[in-house]
Amino acid sequence: MGQEVETEVPRAAEAGLYTEGDKGRLCALVRAQLVRAQHAYAAPGAIDSVVSISGM
């Protein structure tokens, strides 16, 4: 942990020019990028071991 994850946030979001619907989509985009980054930093085989424990 402690690592910063860079996300691409459009300048319009920084300027507060989005509507409420746009903000929801932006949050979903950033959340998806964070999940991908977490998976990229996961130890090799970590996800496979979780699946094997659950018996899937």
PDB file of N, CA and C in Angstrom:
ATOM      1  N   MET A   1       0.844  -1.172   0.000  1.00  0.00           N
ATOM      2  CA  MET A   1       0.000   0.000   0.000  1.00  0.00           C
ATOM      3  C   MET A   1       0.895   1.242   0.000  1.00  0.00           C
ATOM      4  N   GLY A   2       0.286   2.378   0.077  1.00  0.00           N
ATOM      5  CA  GLY A   2       1.064   3.596   0.117  1.00  0.00           C
ATOM      6  C   GLY A   2       1.497   4.088  -1.251  1.00  0.00           C
ATOM      7  N   GLN A   3       1.167   3.321  -2.301  1.00  0.00           N
ATOM      8  CA  GLN A   3       1.544   3.741  -3.635  1.00  0.00           C
ATOM      9  C   GLN A   3       0.427   4.583  -4.225  1.00  0.00           C
ATOM     10  N   GLU A   4       0.819   5.638  -4.923  1.00  0.00           N
ATOM     11  CA  GLU A   4      -0.182   6.474  -5.570  1.00  0.00           C
ATOM     12  C   GLU A   4      -0.555   5.857  -6.907  1.00  0.00           C
ATOM     13  N   VAL A   5      -1.816   5.926  -7.240  1.00  0.00           N
ATOM     14  CA  VAL A   5      -2.295   5.430  -8.520  1.00  0.00           C
ATOM     15  C   VAL A   5      -2.727   6.623  -9.346  1.00  0.00           C
ATOM     16  N   GLU A   6      -2.132   6.736 -10.527  1.00  0.00           N
ATOM     17  CA  GLU A   6      -2.488   7.849 -11.398  1.00  0.00           C
ATOM     18  C   GLU A   6      -3.755   7.498 -12.164  1.00  0.00           C
ATOM     19  N   THR A   7      -4.697   8.406 -12.188  1.00  0.00           N
ATOM     20  CA  THR A   7      -5.912   8.215 -12.972  1.00  0.00           C
ATOM     21  C   THR A   7      -6.058   9.385 -13.923  1.00  0.00           C
ATOM     22  N   GLU A   8      -6.709   9.117 -15.032  1.00  0.00           N
ATOM     23  CA  GLU A   8      -6.934  10.166 -16.013  1.00  0.00           C
ATOM     24  C   GLU A   8      -8.268  10.833 -15.707  1.00  0.00           C
ATOM     25  N   VAL A   9      -8.213  12.037 -15.203  1.00  0.00           N
ATOM     26  CA  VAL A   9      -9.427  12.791 -14.899  1.00  0.00           C
ATOM     27  C   VAL A   9      -9.464  13.987 -15.836  1.00  0.00           C
ATOM     28  N   PRO A  10     -10.504  14.053 -16.666  1.00  0.00           N
ATOM     29  CA  PRO A  10     -10.589  15.177 -17.611  1.00  0.00           C
ATOM     30  C   PRO A  10     -10.544  16.526 -16.901  1.00  0.00           C
ATOM     31  N   ARG A  11      -9.996  17.509 -17.591  1.00  0.00           N
ATOM     32  CA  ARG A  11      -9.875  18.848 -17.011  1.00  0.00           C
ATOM     33  C   ARG A  11     -11.239  19.447 -16.683  1.00  0.00           C
ATOM     34  N   ALA A  12     -12.264  19.079 -17.422  1.00  0.00           N
ATOM     35  CA  ALA A  12     -13.600  19.599 -17.126  1.00  0.00           C
ATOM     36  C   ALA A  12     -14.042  19.173 -15.732  1.00  0.00           C
ATOM     37  N   ALA A  13     -13.657  17.967 -15.319  1.00  0.00           N
ATOM     38  CA  ALA A  13     -14.013  17.498 -13.975  1.00  0.00           C
ATOM     39  C   ALA A  13     -13.299  18.338 -12.935  1.00  0.00           C
ATOM     40  N   GLU A  14     -12.044  18.659 -13.210  1.00  0.00           N
ATOM     41  CA  GLU A  14     -11.279  19.483 -12.272  1.00  0.00           C
ATOM     42  C   GLU A  14     -11.906  20.868 -12.153  1.00  0.00           C
ATOM     43  N   ALA A  15     -12.487  21.357 -13.237  1.00  0.00           N
ATOM     44  CA  ALA A  15     -13.092  22.688 -13.242  1.00  0.00           C
ATOM     45  C   ALA A  15     -14.527  22.669 -12.727  1.00  0.00           C
ATOM     46  N   GLY A  16     -15.067  21.474 -12.446  1.00  0.00           N
ATOM     47  CA  GLY A  16     -16.424  21.371 -11.923  1.00  0.00           C
ATOM     48  C   GLY A  16     -17.498  21.624 -12.965  1.00  0.00           C
ATOM     49  N   LEU A  17     -17.235  21.264 -14.221  1.00  0.00           N
ATOM     50  CA  LEU A  17     -18.185  21.539 -15.293  1.00  0.00           C
ATOM     51  C   LEU A  17     -19.119  20.375 -15.595  1.00  0.00           C
ATOM     52  N   TYR A  18     -19.036  19.305 -14.839  1.00  0.00           N
ATOM     53  CA  TYR A  18     -19.874  18.135 -15.094  1.00  0.00           C
ATOM     54  C   TYR A  18     -21.218  18.237 -14.391  1.00  0.00           C
ATOM     55  N   THR A  19     -22.235  17.582 -14.966  1.00  0.00           N
ATOM     56  CA  THR A  19     -23.545  17.479 -14.322  1.00  0.00           C
ATOM     57  C   THR A  19     -23.492  16.328 -13.322  1.00  0.00           C
ATOM     58  N   GLU A  20     -24.559  16.138 -12.557  1.00  0.00           N
ATOM     59  CA  GLU A  20     -24.598  15.049 -11.571  1.00  0.00           C
ATOM     60  C   GLU A  20     -24.436  13.686 -12.237  1.00  0.00           C
ATOM     61  N   GLY A  21     -25.090  13.468 -13.382  1.00  0.00           N
ATOM     62  CA  GLY A  21     -24.957  12.195 -14.097  1.00  0.00           C
ATOM     63  C   GLY A  21     -23.534  11.962 -14.556  1.00  0.00           C
ATOM     64  N   ASP A  22     -22.894  13.014 -15.047  1.00  0.00           N
ATOM     65  CA  ASP A  22     -21.505  12.908 -15.480  1.00  0.00           C
ATOM     66  C   ASP A  22     -20.594  12.575 -14.309  1.00  0.00           C
ATOM     67  N   LYS A  23     -20.869  13.172 -13.144  1.00  0.00           N
ATOM     68  CA  LYS A  23     -20.041  12.908 -11.968  1.00  0.00           C
ATOM     69  C   LYS A  23     -20.140  11.445 -11.568  1.00  0.00           C
ATOM     70  N   GLY A  24     -21.336  10.869 -11.678  1.00  0.00           N
ATOM     71  CA  GLY A  24     -21.512   9.451 -11.365  1.00  0.00           C
ATOM     72  C   GLY A  24     -20.700   8.576 -12.296  1.00  0.00           C
ATOM     73  N   ARG A  25     -20.718   8.915 -13.582  1.00  0.00           N
ATOM     74  CA  ARG A  25     -19.941   8.140 -14.553  1.00  0.00           C
ATOM     75  C   ARG A  25     -18.449   8.321 -14.311  1.00  0.00           C
ATOM     76  N   LEU A  26     -18.041   9.527 -13.948  1.00  0.00           N
ATOM     77  CA  LEU A  26     -16.636   9.786 -13.667  1.00  0.00           C
ATOM     78  C   LEU A  26     -16.177   8.973 -12.460  1.00  0.00           C
ATOM     79  N   CYS A  27     -17.007   8.924 -11.416  1.00  0.00           N
ATOM     80  CA  CYS A  27     -16.671   8.131 -10.229  1.00  0.00           C
ATOM     81  C   CYS A  27     -16.530   6.662 -10.598  1.00  0.00           C
ATOM     82  N   ALA A  28     -17.428   6.158 -11.441  1.00  0.00           N
ATOM     83  CA  ALA A  28     -17.360   4.759 -11.866  1.00  0.00           C
ATOM     84  C   ALA A  28     -16.083   4.501 -12.655  1.00  0.00           C
ATOM     85  N   LEU A  29     -15.693   5.443 -13.500  1.00  0.00           N
ATOM     86  CA  LEU A  29     -14.467   5.302 -14.284  1.00  0.00           C
ATOM     87  C   LEU A  29     -13.248   5.250 -13.374  1.00  0.00           C
ATOM     88  N   VAL A  30     -13.165   6.172 -12.435  1.00  0.00           N
ATOM     89  CA  VAL A  30     -12.023   6.216 -11.517  1.00  0.00           C
ATOM     90  C   VAL A  30     -11.988   4.951 -10.672  1.00  0.00           C
ATOM     91  N   ARG A  31     -13.158   4.493 -10.199  1.00  0.00           N
ATOM     92  CA  ARG A  31     -13.225   3.268  -9.396  1.00  0.00           C
ATOM     93  C   ARG A  31     -12.709   2.076 -10.210  1.00  0.00           C
ATOM     94  N   ALA A  32     -13.104   1.984 -11.484  1.00  0.00           N
ATOM     95  CA  ALA A  32     -12.653   0.890 -12.345  1.00  0.00           C
ATOM     96  C   ALA A  32     -11.142   0.953 -12.549  1.00  0.00           C
ATOM     97  N   GLN A  33     -10.596   2.152 -12.705  1.00  0.00           N
ATOM     98  CA  GLN A  33      -9.148   2.294 -12.870  1.00  0.00           C
ATOM     99  C   GLN A  33      -8.419   1.856 -11.609  1.00  0.00           C
ATOM    100  N   LEU A  34      -8.959   2.171 -10.444  1.00  0.00           N
ATOM    101  CA  LEU A  34      -8.328   1.771  -9.187  1.00  0.00           C
ATOM    102  C   LEU A  34      -8.343   0.260  -9.027  1.00  0.00           C
ATOM    103  N   VAL A  35      -9.448  -0.382  -9.396  1.00  0.00           N
ATOM    104  CA  VAL A  35      -9.529  -1.841  -9.306  1.00  0.00           C
ATOM    105  C   VAL A  35      -8.502  -2.473 -10.231  1.00  0.00           C
ATOM    106  N   ARG A  36      -8.381  -1.962 -11.463  1.00  0.00           N
ATOM    107  CA  ARG A  36      -7.379  -2.499 -12.387  1.00  0.00           C
ATOM    108  C   ARG A  36      -5.974  -2.319 -11.828  1.00  0.00           C
ATOM    109  N   ALA A  37      -5.705  -1.172 -11.219  1.00  0.00           N
ATOM    110  CA  ALA A  37      -4.381  -0.918 -10.648  1.00  0.00           C
ATOM    111  C   ALA A  37      -4.107  -1.868  -9.490  1.00  0.00           C
ATOM    112  N   GLN A  38      -5.116  -2.123  -8.656  1.00  0.00           N
ATOM    113  CA  GLN A  38      -4.937  -3.047  -7.538  1.00  0.00           C
ATOM    114  C   GLN A  38      -4.617  -4.440  -8.056  1.00  0.00           C
ATOM    115  N   HIS A  39      -5.300  -4.877  -9.107  1.00  0.00           N
ATOM    116  CA  HIS A  39      -5.028  -6.193  -9.675  1.00  0.00           C
ATOM    117  C   HIS A  39      -3.631  -6.240 -10.283  1.00  0.00           C
ATOM    118  N   ALA A  40      -3.191  -5.138 -10.879  1.00  0.00           N
ATOM    119  CA  ALA A  40      -1.859  -5.093 -11.481  1.00  0.00           C
ATOM    120  C   ALA A  40      -0.770  -5.214 -10.421  1.00  0.00           C
ATOM    121  N   TYR A  41      -1.034  -4.684  -9.209  1.00  0.00           N
ATOM    122  CA  TYR A  41      -0.047  -4.735  -8.140  1.00  0.00           C
ATOM    123  C   TYR A  41      -0.144  -6.010  -7.310  1.00  0.00           C
ATOM    124  N   ALA A  42      -1.195  -6.819  -7.535  1.00  0.00           N
ATOM    125  CA  ALA A  42      -1.365  -8.047  -6.754  1.00  0.00           C
ATOM    126  C   ALA A  42      -0.204  -8.992  -7.047  1.00  0.00           C
ATOM    127  N   ALA A  43       0.150  -9.773  -6.051  1.00  0.00           N
ATOM    128  CA  ALA A  43       1.224 -10.750  -6.224  1.00  0.00           C
ATOM    129  C   ALA A  43       0.797 -11.776  -7.275  1.00  0.00           C
ATOM    130  N   PRO A  44       1.737 -12.223  -8.105  1.00  0.00           N
ATOM    131  CA  PRO A  44       1.402 -13.228  -9.119  1.00  0.00           C
ATOM    132  C   PRO A  44       0.796 -14.467  -8.458  1.00  0.00           C
ATOM    133  N   GLY A  45      -0.327 -14.918  -8.989  1.00  0.00           N
ATOM    134  CA  GLY A  45      -0.979 -16.108  -8.457  1.00  0.00           C
ATOM    135  C   GLY A  45      -1.898 -15.846  -7.286  1.00  0.00           C
ATOM    136  N   ALA A  46      -1.960 -14.612  -6.789  1.00  0.00           N
ATOM    137  CA  ALA A  46      -2.785 -14.321  -5.616  1.00  0.00           C
ATOM    138  C   ALA A  46      -4.258 -14.550  -5.918  1.00  0.00           C
ATOM    139  N   ILE A  47      -4.694 -14.154  -7.086  1.00  0.00           N
ATOM    140  CA  ILE A  47      -6.100 -14.329  -7.441  1.00  0.00           C
ATOM    141  C   ILE A  47      -6.395 -15.806  -7.655  1.00  0.00           C
ATOM    142  N   ASP A  48      -5.463 -16.551  -8.268  1.00  0.00           N
ATOM    143  CA  ASP A  48      -5.660 -17.981  -8.484  1.00  0.00           C
ATOM    144  C   ASP A  48      -5.805 -18.726  -7.170  1.00  0.00           C
ATOM    145  N   SER A  49      -5.042 -18.325  -6.145  1.00  0.00           N
ATOM    146  CA  SER A  49      -5.118 -19.030  -4.868  1.00  0.00           C
ATOM    147  C   SER A  49      -6.462 -18.800  -4.199  1.00  0.00           C
ATOM    148  N   VAL A  50      -7.054 -17.628  -4.380  1.00  0.00           N
ATOM    149  CA  VAL A  50      -8.377 -17.358  -3.810  1.00  0.00           C
ATOM    150  C   VAL A  50      -9.411 -18.244  -4.483  1.00  0.00           C
ATOM    151  N   VAL A  51      -9.304 -18.395  -5.792  1.00  0.00           N
ATOM    152  CA  VAL A  51     -10.248 -19.236  -6.527  1.00  0.00           C
ATOM    153  C   VAL A  51     -10.102 -20.684  -6.099  1.00  0.00           C
ATOM    154  N   SER A  52      -8.865 -21.171  -5.917  1.00  0.00           N
ATOM    155  CA  SER A  52      -8.679 -22.572  -5.546  1.00  0.00           C
ATOM    156  C   SER A  52      -9.188 -22.845  -4.136  1.00  0.00           C
ATOM    157  N   ILE A  53      -9.119 -21.867  -3.247  1.00  0.00           N
ATOM    158  CA  ILE A  53      -9.626 -22.046  -1.888  1.00  0.00           C
ATOM    159  C   ILE A  53     -11.144 -22.179  -1.914  1.00  0.00           C
ATOM    160  N   SER A  54     -11.790 -21.407  -2.778  1.00  0.00           N
ATOM    161  CA  SER A  54     -13.252 -21.439  -2.827  1.00  0.00           C
ATOM    162  C   SER A  54     -13.769 -22.668  -3.560  1.00  0.00           C
ATOM    163  N   GLY A  55     -12.877 -23.407  -4.229  1.00  0.00           N
ATOM    164  CA  GLY A  55     -13.272 -24.627  -4.919  1.00  0.00           C
ATOM    165  C   GLY A  55     -13.874 -24.407  -6.287  1.00  0.00           C
ATOM    166  N   MET A  56     -13.699 -23.229  -6.837  1.00  0.00           N
ATOM    167  CA  MET A  56     -14.272 -22.956  -8.164  1.00  0.00           C
ATOM    168  C   MET A  56     -13.325 -23.417  -9.240  1.00  0.00           C
TER     169      MET A  56
END
